[in-house]
Amino acid sequence: MSDDDSGWQDRLVGARMTVDSEFDDRVEASGFARQEWGLIMTATEFDIEDGDEPRLYADTEHLDDIMPEVQKMTAQGPMGGQQDDSDGGILGSITSALGLGGGGDDDLTEEVTEAEQLTQAYAEELQSHLESRGTWEDIVAAYREEHE
């Protein structure tokens, strides 16, 4: 996706604000805190899979890059302080950061998978919202115009 593709995406902004508030329950039910979800959404881009029935999807290509930061947020706890958990607190965080802690890669893979599933569910909800408002076809038309 290139920088000149932003026109149709600009049309998503208002709808995203509405869907964000409607999607809060899903985020709260997930393994992610609000701040973590915000970081995940920052690394997620939305694109359209064009075809007979175009669909909005979450491009999660950059999630692997930010998930270590999400894990750091989790380890710091809600007030930014280090949690005293079973992996050894600060020492456990240091060993995990060095790749010496147990289960780090498995935990990361699980978090990436959960984030991918949640962002795709968000994309589906966003498309559904756009369809119910009658703006989906306009966005698809703008997408196609930009990709001619």
N, C-alpha and C. Protein backbone atom coordinates (compact mmCIF):
# COMPACT_ATOMS: atom_id res chain seq x y z
N MET A 1 0.84 -1.16 0.00
CA MET A 1 0.00 0.00 0.00
C MET A 1 0.90 1.23 0.00
N SER A 2 0.57 2.22 -0.79
CA SER A 2 1.39 3.41 -0.88
C SER A 2 0.69 4.59 -0.24
N ASP A 3 1.43 5.69 -0.09
CA ASP A 3 0.89 6.87 0.57
C ASP A 3 -0.31 7.47 -0.14
N ASP A 4 -0.40 7.28 -1.47
CA ASP A 4 -1.51 7.88 -2.21
C ASP A 4 -2.81 7.10 -2.06
N ASP A 5 -2.80 6.04 -1.26
CA ASP A 5 -4.00 5.24 -1.01
C ASP A 5 -4.83 5.79 0.15
N SER A 6 -4.42 6.89 0.75
CA SER A 6 -5.06 7.35 1.97
C SER A 6 -6.45 7.94 1.75
N GLY A 7 -6.83 8.34 0.54
CA GLY A 7 -8.13 8.97 0.31
C GLY A 7 -9.30 8.14 0.77
N TRP A 8 -9.40 6.91 0.34
CA TRP A 8 -10.52 6.08 0.74
C TRP A 8 -10.43 5.76 2.24
N GLN A 9 -9.22 5.65 2.75
CA GLN A 9 -9.06 5.36 4.17
C GLN A 9 -9.46 6.55 5.04
N ASP A 10 -9.27 7.75 4.52
CA ASP A 10 -9.71 8.94 5.26
C ASP A 10 -11.21 8.89 5.51
N ARG A 11 -11.94 8.26 4.62
CA ARG A 11 -13.40 8.14 4.76
C ARG A 11 -13.80 7.19 5.88
N LEU A 12 -12.84 6.42 6.38
CA LEU A 12 -13.11 5.46 7.46
C LEU A 12 -13.06 6.11 8.84
N VAL A 13 -12.46 7.28 8.94
CA VAL A 13 -12.16 7.86 10.25
C VAL A 13 -13.39 7.99 11.14
N GLY A 14 -14.43 8.63 10.67
CA GLY A 14 -15.63 8.81 11.49
C GLY A 14 -16.26 7.48 11.89
N ALA A 15 -16.32 6.56 10.93
CA ALA A 15 -16.89 5.24 11.21
C ALA A 15 -16.04 4.50 12.24
N ARG A 16 -14.73 4.65 12.14
CA ARG A 16 -13.85 3.98 13.10
C ARG A 16 -14.09 4.49 14.51
N MET A 17 -14.33 5.78 14.66
CA MET A 17 -14.59 6.31 16.01
C MET A 17 -15.86 5.69 16.60
N THR A 18 -16.87 5.50 15.77
CA THR A 18 -18.10 4.88 16.24
C THR A 18 -17.87 3.41 16.57
N VAL A 19 -17.20 2.70 15.67
CA VAL A 19 -16.95 1.27 15.88
C VAL A 19 -16.03 1.06 17.08
N ASP A 20 -15.08 1.97 17.29
CA ASP A 20 -14.20 1.85 18.46
C ASP A 20 -15.01 1.73 19.74
N SER A 21 -15.99 2.62 19.91
CA SER A 21 -16.79 2.59 21.14
C SER A 21 -17.67 1.35 21.19
N GLU A 22 -18.18 0.92 20.05
CA GLU A 22 -19.01 -0.29 20.01
C GLU A 22 -18.18 -1.55 20.24
N PHE A 23 -16.89 -1.48 19.94
CA PHE A 23 -16.01 -2.65 20.03
C PHE A 23 -15.34 -2.77 21.40
N ASP A 24 -15.55 -1.79 22.26
CA ASP A 24 -14.92 -1.80 23.59
C ASP A 24 -15.16 -3.09 24.37
N ASP A 25 -16.38 -3.62 24.30
CA ASP A 25 -16.69 -4.85 25.03
C ASP A 25 -15.82 -6.01 24.56
N ARG A 26 -15.59 -6.08 23.26
CA ARG A 26 -14.75 -7.16 22.71
C ARG A 26 -13.31 -7.02 23.20
N VAL A 27 -12.84 -5.78 23.25
CA VAL A 27 -11.47 -5.54 23.72
C VAL A 27 -11.36 -5.91 25.19
N GLU A 28 -12.33 -5.48 25.99
CA GLU A 28 -12.32 -5.80 27.42
C GLU A 28 -12.38 -7.30 27.67
N ALA A 29 -13.07 -8.04 26.82
CA ALA A 29 -13.17 -9.49 26.97
C ALA A 29 -11.91 -10.21 26.47
N SER A 30 -11.06 -9.49 25.75
CA SER A 30 -9.84 -10.10 25.21
C SER A 30 -8.75 -10.08 26.28
N GLY A 31 -7.59 -10.56 25.90
CA GLY A 31 -6.44 -10.54 26.80
C GLY A 31 -5.68 -9.24 26.76
N PHE A 32 -6.22 -8.22 26.10
CA PHE A 32 -5.50 -6.96 25.93
C PHE A 32 -6.15 -5.83 26.73
N ALA A 33 -5.31 -5.03 27.35
CA ALA A 33 -5.78 -3.81 28.00
C ALA A 33 -6.02 -2.77 26.91
N ARG A 34 -6.73 -1.73 27.26
CA ARG A 34 -7.05 -0.66 26.31
C ARG A 34 -5.79 -0.06 25.67
N GLN A 35 -4.79 0.20 26.48
CA GLN A 35 -3.54 0.79 25.97
C GLN A 35 -2.84 -0.17 25.00
N GLU A 36 -2.87 -1.46 25.31
CA GLU A 36 -2.27 -2.46 24.42
C GLU A 36 -3.03 -2.51 23.10
N TRP A 37 -4.36 -2.46 23.18
CA TRP A 37 -5.19 -2.48 21.98
C TRP A 37 -4.89 -1.26 21.11
N GLY A 38 -4.69 -0.13 21.75
CA GLY A 38 -4.34 1.08 21.00
C GLY A 38 -3.06 0.90 20.22
N LEU A 39 -2.06 0.28 20.82
CA LEU A 39 -0.80 0.02 20.14
C LEU A 39 -1.00 -0.98 19.00
N ILE A 40 -1.81 -1.99 19.23
CA ILE A 40 -2.11 -2.99 18.19
C ILE A 40 -2.79 -2.31 17.00
N MET A 41 -3.75 -1.44 17.29
CA MET A 41 -4.45 -0.75 16.20
C MET A 41 -3.53 0.21 15.45
N THR A 42 -2.55 0.77 16.13
CA THR A 42 -1.58 1.64 15.47
C THR A 42 -0.77 0.86 14.44
N ALA A 43 -0.50 -0.40 14.74
CA ALA A 43 0.29 -1.23 13.83
C ALA A 43 -0.56 -1.94 12.78
N THR A 44 -1.87 -1.75 12.83
CA THR A 44 -2.78 -2.41 11.91
C THR A 44 -3.25 -1.44 10.85
N GLU A 45 -3.17 -1.85 9.61
CA GLU A 45 -3.69 -1.05 8.51
C GLU A 45 -4.89 -1.79 7.93
N PHE A 46 -5.83 -1.03 7.40
CA PHE A 46 -6.99 -1.64 6.79
C PHE A 46 -6.87 -1.53 5.28
N ASP A 47 -7.28 -2.59 4.61
CA ASP A 47 -7.23 -2.62 3.15
C ASP A 47 -8.48 -3.32 2.66
N ILE A 48 -8.69 -3.23 1.38
CA ILE A 48 -9.86 -3.86 0.77
C ILE A 48 -9.39 -4.97 -0.15
N GLU A 49 -9.96 -6.14 0.04
CA GLU A 49 -9.75 -7.25 -0.88
C GLU A 49 -10.83 -7.10 -1.94
N ASP A 50 -10.41 -6.70 -3.13
CA ASP A 50 -11.37 -6.40 -4.17
C ASP A 50 -11.72 -7.67 -4.94
N GLY A 51 -12.93 -7.76 -5.34
CA GLY A 51 -13.42 -8.90 -6.10
C GLY A 51 -14.91 -8.75 -6.31
N ASP A 52 -15.59 -9.87 -6.56
CA ASP A 52 -17.04 -9.82 -6.74
C ASP A 52 -17.73 -9.23 -5.51
N GLU A 53 -17.26 -9.62 -4.34
CA GLU A 53 -17.78 -9.08 -3.08
C GLU A 53 -16.60 -8.53 -2.28
N PRO A 54 -16.26 -7.26 -2.49
CA PRO A 54 -15.12 -6.67 -1.78
C PRO A 54 -15.31 -6.78 -0.27
N ARG A 55 -14.20 -6.95 0.42
CA ARG A 55 -14.29 -7.01 1.88
C ARG A 55 -13.12 -6.24 2.49
N LEU A 56 -13.41 -5.62 3.60
CA LEU A 56 -12.41 -4.91 4.37
C LEU A 56 -11.66 -5.93 5.22
N TYR A 57 -10.34 -5.82 5.26
CA TYR A 57 -9.58 -6.72 6.11
C TYR A 57 -8.49 -5.97 6.84
N ALA A 58 -8.05 -6.55 7.93
CA ALA A 58 -6.98 -5.97 8.74
C ALA A 58 -5.65 -6.51 8.25
N ASP A 59 -4.79 -5.62 7.80
CA ASP A 59 -3.44 -5.98 7.40
C ASP A 59 -2.59 -5.93 8.67
N THR A 60 -2.22 -7.10 9.17
CA THR A 60 -1.52 -7.21 10.45
C THR A 60 -0.04 -7.52 10.26
N GLU A 61 0.49 -7.16 9.12
CA GLU A 61 1.88 -7.45 8.78
C GLU A 61 2.87 -6.93 9.83
N HIS A 62 2.56 -5.84 10.50
CA HIS A 62 3.50 -5.22 11.44
C HIS A 62 3.28 -5.61 12.89
N LEU A 63 2.34 -6.51 13.16
CA LEU A 63 2.07 -6.90 14.55
C LEU A 63 3.28 -7.54 15.22
N ASP A 64 4.00 -8.38 14.50
CA ASP A 64 5.18 -9.02 15.09
C ASP A 64 6.17 -7.98 15.62
N ASP A 65 6.23 -6.83 14.95
CA ASP A 65 7.18 -5.79 15.33
C ASP A 65 6.81 -5.12 16.65
N ILE A 66 5.52 -4.98 16.94
CA ILE A 66 5.11 -4.24 18.13
C ILE A 66 4.72 -5.13 19.31
N MET A 67 4.54 -6.42 19.07
CA MET A 67 4.08 -7.28 20.16
C MET A 67 5.05 -7.34 21.35
N PRO A 68 6.36 -7.26 21.15
CA PRO A 68 7.23 -7.18 22.33
C PRO A 68 6.91 -5.96 23.20
N GLU A 69 6.53 -4.85 22.58
CA GLU A 69 6.13 -3.66 23.34
C GLU A 69 4.82 -3.91 24.08
N VAL A 70 3.91 -4.63 23.45
CA VAL A 70 2.65 -4.97 24.11
C VAL A 70 2.94 -5.83 25.33
N GLN A 71 3.86 -6.79 25.18
CA GLN A 71 4.22 -7.64 26.31
C GLN A 71 4.85 -6.83 27.43
N LYS A 72 5.66 -5.83 27.07
CA LYS A 72 6.25 -4.97 28.10
C LYS A 72 5.16 -4.23 28.86
N MET A 73 4.14 -3.76 28.14
CA MET A 73 3.01 -3.08 28.79
C MET A 73 2.33 -4.02 29.78
N THR A 74 2.14 -5.26 29.37
CA THR A 74 1.51 -6.26 30.23
C THR A 74 2.35 -6.49 31.47
N ALA A 75 3.66 -6.60 31.29
CA ALA A 75 4.56 -6.86 32.41
C ALA A 75 4.61 -5.69 33.38
N GLN A 76 4.41 -4.47 32.86
CA GLN A 76 4.47 -3.28 33.72
C GLN A 76 3.22 -3.11 34.55
N GLY A 77 2.13 -3.68 34.13
CA GLY A 77 0.89 -3.56 34.88
C GLY A 77 0.20 -2.24 34.60
N PRO A 78 -0.98 -2.05 35.17
CA PRO A 78 -1.81 -0.90 34.85
C PRO A 78 -1.22 0.44 35.27
N MET A 79 -0.39 0.49 36.29
CA MET A 79 0.16 1.76 36.75
C MET A 79 1.59 1.99 36.26
N GLY A 80 2.08 1.13 35.36
CA GLY A 80 3.41 1.31 34.81
C GLY A 80 4.50 0.71 35.67
N GLY A 81 4.14 0.14 36.82
CA GLY A 81 5.14 -0.49 37.68
C GLY A 81 5.31 -1.94 37.33
N GLN A 82 6.41 -2.51 37.76
CA GLN A 82 6.69 -3.91 37.47
C GLN A 82 5.77 -4.80 38.29
N GLN A 83 5.11 -5.74 37.66
CA GLN A 83 4.29 -6.70 38.39
C GLN A 83 5.18 -7.76 38.99
N ASP A 84 4.81 -8.22 40.15
CA ASP A 84 5.53 -9.32 40.78
C ASP A 84 4.83 -10.60 40.38
N ASP A 85 5.27 -11.19 39.29
CA ASP A 85 4.62 -12.40 38.81
C ASP A 85 5.54 -13.59 38.95
N SER A 86 5.05 -14.74 38.58
CA SER A 86 5.76 -15.99 38.81
C SER A 86 7.03 -16.14 37.98
N ASP A 87 7.25 -15.28 36.99
CA ASP A 87 8.46 -15.45 36.19
C ASP A 87 9.64 -14.66 36.75
N GLY A 88 9.49 -14.11 37.94
CA GLY A 88 10.63 -13.50 38.59
C GLY A 88 10.65 -11.99 38.56
N GLY A 89 9.57 -11.34 38.28
CA GLY A 89 9.52 -9.88 38.32
C GLY A 89 10.51 -9.23 37.38
N ILE A 90 11.29 -8.31 37.91
CA ILE A 90 12.25 -7.58 37.08
C ILE A 90 13.27 -8.53 36.46
N LEU A 91 13.80 -9.44 37.25
CA LEU A 91 14.77 -10.40 36.72
C LEU A 91 14.15 -11.24 35.61
N GLY A 92 12.89 -11.64 35.80
CA GLY A 92 12.20 -12.41 34.76
C GLY A 92 12.03 -11.61 33.49
N SER A 93 11.75 -10.30 33.63
CA SER A 93 11.61 -9.44 32.45
C SER A 93 12.92 -9.31 31.70
N ILE A 94 14.00 -9.18 32.46
CA ILE A 94 15.32 -9.05 31.82
C ILE A 94 15.68 -10.33 31.09
N THR A 95 15.46 -11.47 31.74
CA THR A 95 15.80 -12.72 31.07
C THR A 95 14.90 -12.97 29.88
N SER A 96 13.62 -12.56 29.98
CA SER A 96 12.73 -12.69 28.83
C SER A 96 13.18 -11.80 27.68
N ALA A 97 13.58 -10.57 28.01
CA ALA A 97 14.04 -9.65 26.98
C ALA A 97 15.27 -10.18 26.27
N LEU A 98 16.09 -10.93 27.00
CA LEU A 98 17.29 -11.53 26.40
C LEU A 98 16.99 -12.86 25.71
N GLY A 99 15.74 -13.27 25.77
CA GLY A 99 15.36 -14.53 25.14
C GLY A 99 15.68 -15.73 25.99
N LEU A 100 15.92 -15.50 27.28
CA LEU A 100 16.30 -16.59 28.16
C LEU A 100 15.15 -17.09 29.03
N GLY A 101 14.04 -16.36 29.03
CA GLY A 101 12.88 -16.75 29.84
C GLY A 101 12.12 -17.88 29.20
N GLY A 102 11.35 -18.58 29.99
CA GLY A 102 10.58 -19.69 29.46
C GLY A 102 9.29 -19.24 28.81
N GLY A 103 8.95 -19.80 27.65
CA GLY A 103 7.66 -19.60 27.02
C GLY A 103 7.47 -18.29 26.31
N GLY A 104 8.49 -17.45 26.24
CA GLY A 104 8.34 -16.14 25.63
C GLY A 104 7.86 -16.20 24.19
N ASP A 105 8.46 -17.05 23.38
CA ASP A 105 8.07 -17.13 21.98
C ASP A 105 6.65 -17.68 21.83
N ASP A 106 6.29 -18.66 22.65
CA ASP A 106 4.94 -19.21 22.61
C ASP A 106 3.92 -18.16 23.01
N ASP A 107 4.24 -17.41 24.07
CA ASP A 107 3.34 -16.34 24.52
C ASP A 107 3.18 -15.30 23.43
N LEU A 108 4.28 -14.93 22.79
CA LEU A 108 4.25 -13.93 21.73
C LEU A 108 3.41 -14.40 20.56
N THR A 109 3.58 -15.66 20.17
CA THR A 109 2.82 -16.22 19.06
C THR A 109 1.33 -16.23 19.39
N GLU A 110 0.99 -16.60 20.62
CA GLU A 110 -0.41 -16.60 21.03
C GLU A 110 -1.00 -15.20 21.02
N GLU A 111 -0.22 -14.23 21.48
CA GLU A 111 -0.70 -12.84 21.50
C GLU A 111 -0.88 -12.30 20.09
N VAL A 112 0.05 -12.63 19.19
CA VAL A 112 -0.07 -12.18 17.80
C VAL A 112 -1.33 -12.79 17.18
N THR A 113 -1.55 -14.08 17.42
CA THR A 113 -2.73 -14.75 16.89
C THR A 113 -4.01 -14.12 17.42
N GLU A 114 -4.05 -13.85 18.73
CA GLU A 114 -5.23 -13.21 19.31
C GLU A 114 -5.43 -11.81 18.73
N ALA A 115 -4.34 -11.06 18.57
CA ALA A 115 -4.44 -9.71 18.01
C ALA A 115 -4.93 -9.76 16.56
N GLU A 116 -4.43 -10.73 15.78
CA GLU A 116 -4.88 -10.87 14.40
C GLU A 116 -6.37 -11.17 14.33
N GLN A 117 -6.83 -12.07 15.19
CA GLN A 117 -8.24 -12.43 15.20
C GLN A 117 -9.11 -11.25 15.62
N LEU A 118 -8.65 -10.51 16.62
CA LEU A 118 -9.43 -9.38 17.12
C LEU A 118 -9.46 -8.24 16.11
N THR A 119 -8.34 -7.97 15.44
CA THR A 119 -8.33 -6.90 14.45
C THR A 119 -9.18 -7.27 13.23
N GLN A 120 -9.21 -8.56 12.87
CA GLN A 120 -10.06 -8.98 11.76
C GLN A 120 -11.53 -8.86 12.14
N ALA A 121 -11.86 -9.20 13.38
CA ALA A 121 -13.24 -9.03 13.85
C ALA A 121 -13.60 -7.55 13.83
N TYR A 122 -12.65 -6.70 14.16
CA TYR A 122 -12.88 -5.25 14.11
C TYR A 122 -13.16 -4.81 12.67
N ALA A 123 -12.35 -5.32 11.73
CA ALA A 123 -12.54 -4.97 10.32
C ALA A 123 -13.92 -5.40 9.84
N GLU A 124 -14.36 -6.58 10.24
CA GLU A 124 -15.69 -7.06 9.85
C GLU A 124 -16.77 -6.17 10.44
N GLU A 125 -16.60 -5.78 11.69
CA GLU A 125 -17.57 -4.89 12.34
C GLU A 125 -17.59 -3.52 11.65
N LEU A 126 -16.41 -3.04 11.27
CA LEU A 126 -16.32 -1.75 10.59
C LEU A 126 -17.01 -1.82 9.24
N GLN A 127 -16.78 -2.88 8.47
CA GLN A 127 -17.45 -3.02 7.19
C GLN A 127 -18.96 -3.11 7.38
N SER A 128 -19.40 -3.86 8.36
CA SER A 128 -20.83 -3.98 8.63
C SER A 128 -21.43 -2.62 8.97
N HIS A 129 -20.70 -1.85 9.75
CA HIS A 129 -21.17 -0.50 10.11
C HIS A 129 -21.28 0.37 8.85
N LEU A 130 -20.28 0.30 7.99
CA LEU A 130 -20.29 1.09 6.75
C LEU A 130 -21.45 0.67 5.85
N GLU A 131 -21.69 -0.64 5.77
CA GLU A 131 -22.81 -1.14 4.96
C GLU A 131 -24.14 -0.65 5.51
N SER A 132 -24.30 -0.68 6.83
CA SER A 132 -25.56 -0.24 7.43
C SER A 132 -25.79 1.26 7.24
N ARG A 133 -24.74 2.00 7.10
CA ARG A 133 -24.84 3.45 6.87
C ARG A 133 -24.94 3.80 5.39
N GLY A 134 -24.77 2.80 4.53
CA GLY A 134 -24.86 3.03 3.09
C GLY A 134 -23.63 3.69 2.49
N THR A 135 -22.49 3.61 3.19
CA THR A 135 -21.27 4.25 2.69
C THR A 135 -20.23 3.25 2.17
N TRP A 136 -20.46 1.97 2.35
CA TRP A 136 -19.49 0.96 1.93
C TRP A 136 -19.23 1.02 0.42
N GLU A 137 -20.28 1.11 -0.37
CA GLU A 137 -20.11 1.15 -1.82
C GLU A 137 -19.30 2.37 -2.27
N ASP A 138 -19.51 3.50 -1.62
CA ASP A 138 -18.74 4.71 -1.95
C ASP A 138 -17.26 4.51 -1.63
N ILE A 139 -16.97 3.86 -0.52
CA ILE A 139 -15.59 3.62 -0.13
C ILE A 139 -14.93 2.65 -1.10
N VAL A 140 -15.65 1.62 -1.49
CA VAL A 140 -15.12 0.66 -2.48
C VAL A 140 -14.85 1.38 -3.80
N ALA A 141 -15.77 2.24 -4.22
CA ALA A 141 -15.59 2.99 -5.47
C ALA A 141 -14.35 3.89 -5.38
N ALA A 142 -14.16 4.54 -4.24
CA ALA A 142 -12.98 5.40 -4.06
C ALA A 142 -11.70 4.54 -4.07
N TYR A 143 -11.77 3.37 -3.45
CA TYR A 143 -10.63 2.45 -3.45
C TYR A 143 -10.27 2.06 -4.88
N ARG A 144 -11.27 1.68 -5.64
CA ARG A 144 -11.04 1.25 -7.03
C ARG A 144 -10.48 2.40 -7.87
N GLU A 145 -10.99 3.60 -7.66
CA GLU A 145 -10.52 4.76 -8.40
C GLU A 145 -9.03 5.01 -8.12
N GLU A 146 -8.63 4.87 -6.87
CA GLU A 146 -7.23 5.08 -6.48
C GLU A 146 -6.31 3.96 -7.00
N HIS A 147 -6.88 2.81 -7.29
CA HIS A 147 -6.06 1.68 -7.71
C HIS A 147 -6.15 1.39 -9.21
N GLU A 148 -6.68 2.33 -9.97
CA GLU A 148 -6.76 2.15 -11.42
C GLU A 148 -5.41 2.37 -12.07
